[in-house]
Amino acid sequence: MLSIDNLSKSYHYADVRQDVLSGLDFDMAAGSSIALLGESGSGKSTLLHLIAGLDRPDSGEILFAGHRIHDESESALAEMRRHRLSLVFQQFHLIATLTVLDNIRFQAALCQRFDPDYEGELVARLGLVTQLDKYPYQLSRGQQQRVAIARALLHKPQLVLADEPTGNLDEASSLEVMGLFSDLVKRAGSSLLMVTHSQAMAAFMDRRVNLHNGRLAEIE
């Protein structure tokens, strides 16, 4: 489903080159979940951005669902993100002028993949039944994250990329939301690649890998 071969990425600051990823190899099976750990600045978020086509590698190959990501046009990448990917971040990126229900339906409406029965299941499981007519500013941070999760999963994407999705929540809320999130991703038949600093959050995933000096290593 996702295969990365000899991937490298660097950035230039003034006259200084900083290597972020170097010769990285990685494979992810359909329907699996992986926690991506590593110290700050190790390139975890950069890797997610490359997979999502939000940035381009210096060299190497990213194959997602049979497509070479870095060879696609910007319009093709936007189409891929609309239909096959979902992104979940610490910042929830809800649309302030839309109700909770319209926020949840936003991406599914864009890709014309709306399942009312599945929507009802998501809303119920995430405890949002009584919140649908409200606006994001009327919700707690935990409720806003639940809306972001529902929006990310309603169209049943092939791959969900999550960058510290519970980073803005307290520990108890993080555990509750992460439990729901990981279970609902499996229910959707999606794969999940999640950046986290938390071993407790990583424990919800099938596999844990560590990114260090631009390379990945499996955690026993």
C-alpha atoms as a PDB file:
ATOM      1  CA  MET A   1       0.000   0.000   0.000  1.00  0.00           C
ATOM      2  CA  LEU A   2       2.844   2.393   0.931  1.00  0.00           C
ATOM      3  CA  SER A   3       6.460   1.774  -0.009  1.00  0.00           C
ATOM      4  CA  ILE A   4       9.393   4.151   0.440  1.00  0.00           C
ATOM      5  CA  ASP A   5      12.784   3.416  -1.094  1.00  0.00           C
ATOM      6  CA  ASN A   6      16.064   5.257  -0.406  1.00  0.00           C
ATOM      7  CA  LEU A   7      14.277   8.528   0.434  1.00  0.00           C
ATOM      8  CA  SER A   8      16.372  11.613   1.183  1.00  0.00           C
ATOM      9  CA  LYS A   9      15.397  15.169   2.060  1.00  0.00           C
ATOM     10  CA  SER A  10      17.469  18.168   3.091  1.00  0.00           C
ATOM     11  CA  TYR A  11      16.877  21.866   3.645  1.00  0.00           C
ATOM     12  CA  HIS A  12      19.184  24.817   3.145  1.00  0.00           C
ATOM     13  CA  TYR A  13      19.412  27.639   5.681  1.00  0.00           C
ATOM     14  CA  ALA A  14      21.605  30.467   4.392  1.00  0.00           C
ATOM     15  CA  ASP A  15      24.661  28.524   3.159  1.00  0.00           C
ATOM     16  CA  VAL A  16      24.171  25.565   5.487  1.00  0.00           C
ATOM     17  CA  ARG A  17      22.653  22.288   4.320  1.00  0.00           C
ATOM     18  CA  GLN A  18      20.716  20.263   6.895  1.00  0.00           C
ATOM     19  CA  ASP A  19      20.032  16.624   6.036  1.00  0.00           C
ATOM     20  CA  VAL A  20      16.703  15.551   7.525  1.00  0.00           C
ATOM     21  CA  LEU A  21      16.089  12.154   5.919  1.00  0.00           C
ATOM     22  CA  SER A  22      18.863  10.038   4.452  1.00  0.00           C
ATOM     23  CA  GLY A  23      18.385   6.796   2.508  1.00  0.00           C
ATOM     24  CA  LEU A  24      15.157   5.976   4.324  1.00  0.00           C
ATOM     25  CA  ASP A  25      13.365   2.697   3.500  1.00  0.00           C
ATOM     26  CA  PHE A  26       9.877   1.915   4.759  1.00  0.00           C
ATOM     27  CA  ASP A  27       6.924  -0.319   3.906  1.00  0.00           C
ATOM     28  CA  MET A  28       3.382  -0.241   5.246  1.00  0.00           C
ATOM     29  CA  ALA A  29       0.701  -2.838   4.584  1.00  0.00           C
ATOM     30  CA  ALA A  30      -2.927  -1.959   3.890  1.00  0.00           C
ATOM     31  CA  GLY A  31      -5.055  -1.852   7.036  1.00  0.00           C
ATOM     32  CA  SER A  32      -2.086  -1.573   9.407  1.00  0.00           C
ATOM     33  CA  SER A  33      -1.256   1.082  11.997  1.00  0.00           C
ATOM     34  CA  ILE A  34       2.221   2.384  12.785  1.00  0.00           C
ATOM     35  CA  ALA A  35       3.491   4.807  15.424  1.00  0.00           C
ATOM     36  CA  LEU A  36       6.408   6.969  14.267  1.00  0.00           C
ATOM     37  CA  LEU A  37       8.551   8.064  17.207  1.00  0.00           C
ATOM     38  CA  GLY A  38      11.745  10.092  17.465  1.00  0.00           C
ATOM     39  CA  GLU A  39      13.241  13.179  19.050  1.00  0.00           C
ATOM     40  CA  SER A  40      12.135  16.664  18.008  1.00  0.00           C
ATOM     41  CA  GLY A  41      13.672  17.675  14.715  1.00  0.00           C
ATOM     42  CA  SER A  42      14.285  14.093  13.595  1.00  0.00           C
ATOM     43  CA  GLY A  43      12.159  14.516  10.470  1.00  0.00           C
ATOM     44  CA  LYS A  44       8.906  12.835  11.506  1.00  0.00           C
ATOM     45  CA  SER A  45       6.636  15.643  10.289  1.00  0.00           C
ATOM     46  CA  THR A  46       8.782  16.055   7.162  1.00  0.00           C
ATOM     47  CA  LEU A  47       8.154  12.399   6.310  1.00  0.00           C
ATOM     48  CA  LEU A  48       4.392  12.845   6.645  1.00  0.00           C
ATOM     49  CA  HIS A  49       4.497  15.933   4.416  1.00  0.00           C
ATOM     50  CA  LEU A  50       6.447  14.037   1.755  1.00  0.00           C
ATOM     51  CA  ILE A  51       3.986  11.126   1.798  1.00  0.00           C
ATOM     52  CA  ALA A  52       1.076  13.562   1.490  1.00  0.00           C
ATOM     53  CA  GLY A  53       2.727  15.302  -1.449  1.00  0.00           C
ATOM     54  CA  LEU A  54       2.981  18.585   0.454  1.00  0.00           C
ATOM     55  CA  ASP A  55       6.743  18.619  -0.125  1.00  0.00           C
ATOM     56  CA  ARG A  56       9.112  16.954  -2.609  1.00  0.00           C
ATOM     57  CA  PRO A  57      12.063  14.676  -1.780  1.00  0.00           C
ATOM     58  CA  ASP A  58      15.604  15.311  -2.985  1.00  0.00           C
ATOM     59  CA  SER A  59      15.897  11.703  -4.124  1.00  0.00           C
ATOM     60  CA  GLY A  60      14.328   8.292  -3.647  1.00  0.00           C
ATOM     61  CA  GLU A  61      10.848   6.994  -4.291  1.00  0.00           C
ATOM     62  CA  ILE A  62       7.461   7.057  -2.563  1.00  0.00           C
ATOM     63  CA  LEU A  63       4.871   4.634  -3.905  1.00  0.00           C
ATOM     64  CA  PHE A  64       1.328   5.009  -2.576  1.00  0.00           C
ATOM     65  CA  ALA A  65      -1.451   2.830  -3.992  1.00  0.00           C
ATOM     66  CA  GLY A  66       0.709   2.193  -7.051  1.00  0.00           C
ATOM     67  CA  HIS A  67       1.475   5.869  -7.752  1.00  0.00           C
ATOM     68  CA  ARG A  68       4.877   7.562  -7.524  1.00  0.00           C
ATOM     69  CA  ILE A  69       3.927  10.542  -5.355  1.00  0.00           C
ATOM     70  CA  HIS A  70       6.798  12.798  -6.403  1.00  0.00           C
ATOM     71  CA  ASP A  71       6.042  12.332 -10.116  1.00  0.00           C
ATOM     72  CA  GLU A  72       2.432  13.526  -9.814  1.00  0.00           C
ATOM     73  CA  SER A  73       1.270  17.013 -10.793  1.00  0.00           C
ATOM     74  CA  GLU A  74      -0.028  19.392  -8.122  1.00  0.00           C
ATOM     75  CA  SER A  75      -3.601  18.827  -9.320  1.00  0.00           C
ATOM     76  CA  ALA A  76      -3.152  15.044  -9.143  1.00  0.00           C
ATOM     77  CA  LEU A  77      -1.726  15.349  -5.630  1.00  0.00           C
ATOM     78  CA  ALA A  78      -4.679  17.482  -4.545  1.00  0.00           C
ATOM     79  CA  GLU A  79      -7.001  14.822  -5.968  1.00  0.00           C
ATOM     80  CA  MET A  80      -5.108  12.116  -4.078  1.00  0.00           C
ATOM     81  CA  ARG A  81      -5.379  14.036  -0.805  1.00  0.00           C
ATOM     82  CA  ARG A  82      -9.083  14.582  -1.408  1.00  0.00           C
ATOM     83  CA  HIS A  83      -9.981  10.963  -2.131  1.00  0.00           C
ATOM     84  CA  ARG A  84      -7.337   8.635  -0.704  1.00  0.00           C
ATOM     85  CA  LEU A  85      -5.719  10.448   2.218  1.00  0.00           C
ATOM     86  CA  SER A  86      -6.744  12.150   5.416  1.00  0.00           C
ATOM     87  CA  LEU A  87      -4.606  14.420   7.563  1.00  0.00           C
ATOM     88  CA  VAL A  88      -5.141  14.887  11.306  1.00  0.00           C
ATOM     89  CA  PHE A  89      -3.005  17.387  13.228  1.00  0.00           C
ATOM     90  CA  GLN A  90      -2.676  18.956  16.686  1.00  0.00           C
ATOM     91  CA  GLN A  91      -4.355  22.037  15.255  1.00  0.00           C
ATOM     92  CA  PHE A  92      -7.800  20.828  14.302  1.00  0.00           C
ATOM     93  CA  HIS A  93      -8.266  23.070  11.240  1.00  0.00           C
ATOM     94  CA  LEU A  94     -12.038  23.124  11.568  1.00  0.00           C
ATOM     95  CA  ILE A  95     -13.901  25.686   9.471  1.00  0.00           C
ATOM     96  CA  ALA A  96     -15.186  28.303  11.882  1.00  0.00           C
ATOM     97  CA  THR A  97     -18.168  29.329   9.735  1.00  0.00           C
ATOM     98  CA  LEU A  98     -19.514  25.778   9.373  1.00  0.00           C
ATOM     99  CA  THR A  99     -21.501  23.804  11.918  1.00  0.00           C
ATOM    100  CA  VAL A 100     -20.095  20.639  13.431  1.00  0.00           C
ATOM    101  CA  LEU A 101     -22.181  18.533  11.046  1.00  0.00           C
ATOM    102  CA  ASP A 102     -20.999  20.450   7.979  1.00  0.00           C
ATOM    103  CA  ASN A 103     -17.387  20.216   9.166  1.00  0.00           C
ATOM    104  CA  ILE A 104     -17.736  16.439   9.513  1.00  0.00           C
ATOM    105  CA  ARG A 105     -19.193  16.152   6.007  1.00  0.00           C
ATOM    106  CA  PHE A 106     -16.728  18.526   4.350  1.00  0.00           C
ATOM    107  CA  GLN A 107     -14.163  16.133   2.851  1.00  0.00           C
ATOM    108  CA  ALA A 108     -16.716  13.402   2.091  1.00  0.00           C
ATOM    109  CA  ALA A 109     -18.743  15.985   0.173  1.00  0.00           C
ATOM    110  CA  LEU A 110     -15.678  17.103  -1.798  1.00  0.00           C
ATOM    111  CA  CYS A 111     -14.955  13.579  -2.989  1.00  0.00           C
ATOM    112  CA  GLN A 112     -18.648  12.618  -3.298  1.00  0.00           C
ATOM    113  CA  ARG A 113     -18.249   9.666  -0.957  1.00  0.00           C
ATOM    114  CA  PHE A 114     -20.972  10.122   1.639  1.00  0.00           C
ATOM    115  CA  ASP A 115     -22.420   7.226   3.670  1.00  0.00           C
ATOM    116  CA  PRO A 116     -25.214   8.402   6.007  1.00  0.00           C
ATOM    117  CA  ASP A 117     -25.199   5.169   8.018  1.00  0.00           C
ATOM    118  CA  TYR A 118     -21.465   5.396   8.612  1.00  0.00           C
ATOM    119  CA  GLU A 119     -21.821   9.070   9.496  1.00  0.00           C
ATOM    120  CA  GLY A 120     -24.371   8.137  12.149  1.00  0.00           C
ATOM    121  CA  GLU A 121     -22.001   5.531  13.563  1.00  0.00           C
ATOM    122  CA  LEU A 122     -19.088   7.984  13.713  1.00  0.00           C
ATOM    123  CA  VAL A 123     -21.174  10.709  15.335  1.00  0.00           C
ATOM    124  CA  ALA A 124     -22.523   8.298  17.955  1.00  0.00           C
ATOM    125  CA  ARG A 125     -19.175   6.647  18.745  1.00  0.00           C
ATOM    126  CA  LEU A 126     -17.458  10.020  19.082  1.00  0.00           C
ATOM    127  CA  GLY A 127     -20.167  11.453  21.345  1.00  0.00           C
ATOM    128  CA  LEU A 128     -21.166  14.249  18.986  1.00  0.00           C
ATOM    129  CA  VAL A 129     -24.901  13.597  18.596  1.00  0.00           C
ATOM    130  CA  THR A 130     -25.881  16.657  20.654  1.00  0.00           C
ATOM    131  CA  GLN A 131     -23.190  18.909  19.154  1.00  0.00           C
ATOM    132  CA  LEU A 132     -24.069  18.828  15.443  1.00  0.00           C
ATOM    133  CA  ASP A 133     -25.761  22.246  15.242  1.00  0.00           C
ATOM    134  CA  LYS A 134     -23.001  24.013  17.158  1.00  0.00           C
ATOM    135  CA  TYR A 135     -19.972  25.836  15.755  1.00  0.00           C
ATOM    136  CA  PRO A 136     -16.349  24.907  16.545  1.00  0.00           C
ATOM    137  CA  TYR A 137     -15.844  27.808  18.976  1.00  0.00           C
ATOM    138  CA  GLN A 138     -18.672  26.391  21.129  1.00  0.00           C
ATOM    139  CA  LEU A 139     -16.846  23.075  21.667  1.00  0.00           C
ATOM    140  CA  SER A 140     -14.116  21.972  24.046  1.00  0.00           C
ATOM    141  CA  ARG A 141     -10.720  21.067  22.594  1.00  0.00           C
ATOM    142  CA  GLY A 142     -11.484  17.382  23.029  1.00  0.00           C
ATOM    143  CA  GLN A 143     -14.780  17.760  21.168  1.00  0.00           C
ATOM    144  CA  GLN A 144     -13.063  19.691  18.375  1.00  0.00           C
ATOM    145  CA  GLN A 145     -10.562  16.870  17.946  1.00  0.00           C
ATOM    146  CA  ARG A 146     -13.416  14.363  17.745  1.00  0.00           C
ATOM    147  CA  VAL A 147     -14.975  16.438  14.952  1.00  0.00           C
ATOM    148  CA  ALA A 148     -11.628  16.462  13.118  1.00  0.00           C
ATOM    149  CA  ILE A 149     -11.414  12.672  13.447  1.00  0.00           C
ATOM    150  CA  ALA A 150     -14.963  12.185  12.147  1.00  0.00           C
ATOM    151  CA  ARG A 151     -14.211  14.437   9.162  1.00  0.00           C
ATOM    152  CA  ALA A 152     -11.001  12.528   8.427  1.00  0.00           C
ATOM    153  CA  LEU A 153     -12.699   9.124   8.421  1.00  0.00           C
ATOM    154  CA  LEU A 154     -16.153   9.685   6.889  1.00  0.00           C
ATOM    155  CA  HIS A 155     -14.953   9.090   3.315  1.00  0.00           C
ATOM    156  CA  LYS A 156     -13.011   5.963   4.411  1.00  0.00           C
ATOM    157  CA  PRO A 157      -9.555   6.963   3.095  1.00  0.00           C
ATOM    158  CA  GLN A 158      -6.884   4.398   2.293  1.00  0.00           C
ATOM    159  CA  LEU A 159      -4.365   6.142   4.543  1.00  0.00           C
ATOM    160  CA  VAL A 160      -4.655   8.478   7.524  1.00  0.00           C
ATOM    161  CA  LEU A 161      -1.599  10.584   8.399  1.00  0.00           C
ATOM    162  CA  ALA A 162      -1.733  11.936  11.947  1.00  0.00           C
ATOM    163  CA  ASP A 163       0.799  14.329  13.495  1.00  0.00           C
ATOM    164  CA  GLU A 164       0.512  14.352  17.307  1.00  0.00           C
ATOM    165  CA  PRO A 165      -3.308  14.188  17.022  1.00  0.00           C
ATOM    166  CA  THR A 166      -3.851  14.307  20.786  1.00  0.00           C
ATOM    167  CA  GLY A 167      -0.986  16.696  21.556  1.00  0.00           C
ATOM    168  CA  ASN A 168      -3.323  19.491  22.688  1.00  0.00           C
ATOM    169  CA  LEU A 169      -5.349  17.302  25.056  1.00  0.00           C
ATOM    170  CA  ASP A 170      -4.770  16.303  28.666  1.00  0.00           C
ATOM    171  CA  GLU A 171      -3.654  12.738  29.400  1.00  0.00           C
ATOM    172  CA  ALA A 172      -7.086  11.327  30.255  1.00  0.00           C
ATOM    173  CA  SER A 173      -8.709  12.892  27.190  1.00  0.00           C
ATOM    174  CA  SER A 174      -5.784  11.770  25.010  1.00  0.00           C
ATOM    175  CA  LEU A 175      -6.204   8.141  26.019  1.00  0.00           C
ATOM    176  CA  GLU A 176      -9.953   8.238  25.467  1.00  0.00           C
ATOM    177  CA  VAL A 177      -9.733   9.946  22.072  1.00  0.00           C
ATOM    178  CA  MET A 178      -6.829   7.752  20.928  1.00  0.00           C
ATOM    179  CA  GLY A 179      -8.729   4.602  21.796  1.00  0.00           C
ATOM    180  CA  LEU A 180     -11.689   5.744  19.739  1.00  0.00           C
ATOM    181  CA  PHE A 181      -9.480   6.991  16.902  1.00  0.00           C
ATOM    182  CA  SER A 182      -7.518   3.763  16.482  1.00  0.00           C
ATOM    183  CA  ASP A 183     -10.663   1.638  16.655  1.00  0.00           C
ATOM    184  CA  LEU A 184     -12.545   3.785  14.129  1.00  0.00           C
ATOM    185  CA  VAL A 185      -9.596   3.755  11.712  1.00  0.00           C
ATOM    186  CA  LYS A 186      -9.734  -0.054  11.728  1.00  0.00           C
ATOM    187  CA  ARG A 187     -13.511   0.075  11.302  1.00  0.00           C
ATOM    188  CA  ALA A 188     -13.036   2.258   8.209  1.00  0.00           C
ATOM    189  CA  GLY A 189     -10.528  -0.214   6.758  1.00  0.00           C
ATOM    190  CA  SER A 190      -7.900   2.531   6.633  1.00  0.00           C
ATOM    191  CA  SER A 191      -4.193   2.464   7.427  1.00  0.00           C
ATOM    192  CA  LEU A 192      -2.817   4.863  10.048  1.00  0.00           C
ATOM    193  CA  LEU A 193       0.662   6.376  10.244  1.00  0.00           C
ATOM    194  CA  MET A 194       0.898   8.506  13.378  1.00  0.00           C
ATOM    195  CA  VAL A 195       3.683  10.746  14.647  1.00  0.00           C
ATOM    196  CA  THR A 196       3.794  10.835  18.434  1.00  0.00           C
ATOM    197  CA  HIS A 197       6.165  11.503  21.325  1.00  0.00           C
ATOM    198  CA  SER A 198       4.019   9.420  23.666  1.00  0.00           C
ATOM    199  CA  GLN A 199       4.667   5.747  24.323  1.00  0.00           C
ATOM    200  CA  ALA A 200       1.121   5.506  25.693  1.00  0.00           C
ATOM    201  CA  MET A 201      -0.312   6.707  22.369  1.00  0.00           C
ATOM    202  CA  ALA A 202       2.107   4.497  20.406  1.00  0.00           C
ATOM    203  CA  ALA A 203       0.833   1.455  22.313  1.00  0.00           C
ATOM    204  CA  PHE A 204      -2.460   1.686  20.401  1.00  0.00           C
ATOM    205  CA  MET A 205      -0.657   0.976  17.105  1.00  0.00           C
ATOM    206  CA  ASP A 206       0.234  -2.394  15.533  1.00  0.00           C
ATOM    207  CA  ARG A 207       3.887  -1.403  15.080  1.00  0.00           C
ATOM    208  CA  ARG A 208       6.265   1.187  16.489  1.00  0.00           C
ATOM    209  CA  VAL A 209       9.236   2.582  14.565  1.00  0.00           C
ATOM    210  CA  ASN A 210      11.846   5.123  15.617  1.00  0.00           C
ATOM    211  CA  LEU A 211      13.296   7.799  13.340  1.00  0.00           C
ATOM    212  CA  HIS A 212      16.879   8.710  14.211  1.00  0.00           C
ATOM    213  CA  ASN A 213      19.544  10.366  12.075  1.00  0.00           C
ATOM    214  CA  GLY A 214      17.253  10.199   9.071  1.00  0.00           C
ATOM    215  CA  ARG A 215      16.681   6.434   9.269  1.00  0.00           C
ATOM    216  CA  LEU A 216      13.954   4.188  10.638  1.00  0.00           C
ATOM    217  CA  ALA A 217      14.354   1.276  13.028  1.00  0.00           C
ATOM    218  CA  GLU A 218      11.690  -1.075  14.347  1.00  0.00           C
ATOM    219  CA  ILE A 219      11.079  -0.906  18.107  1.00  0.00           C
ATOM    220  CA  GLU A 220      10.874  -4.318  19.759  1.00  0.00           C
END
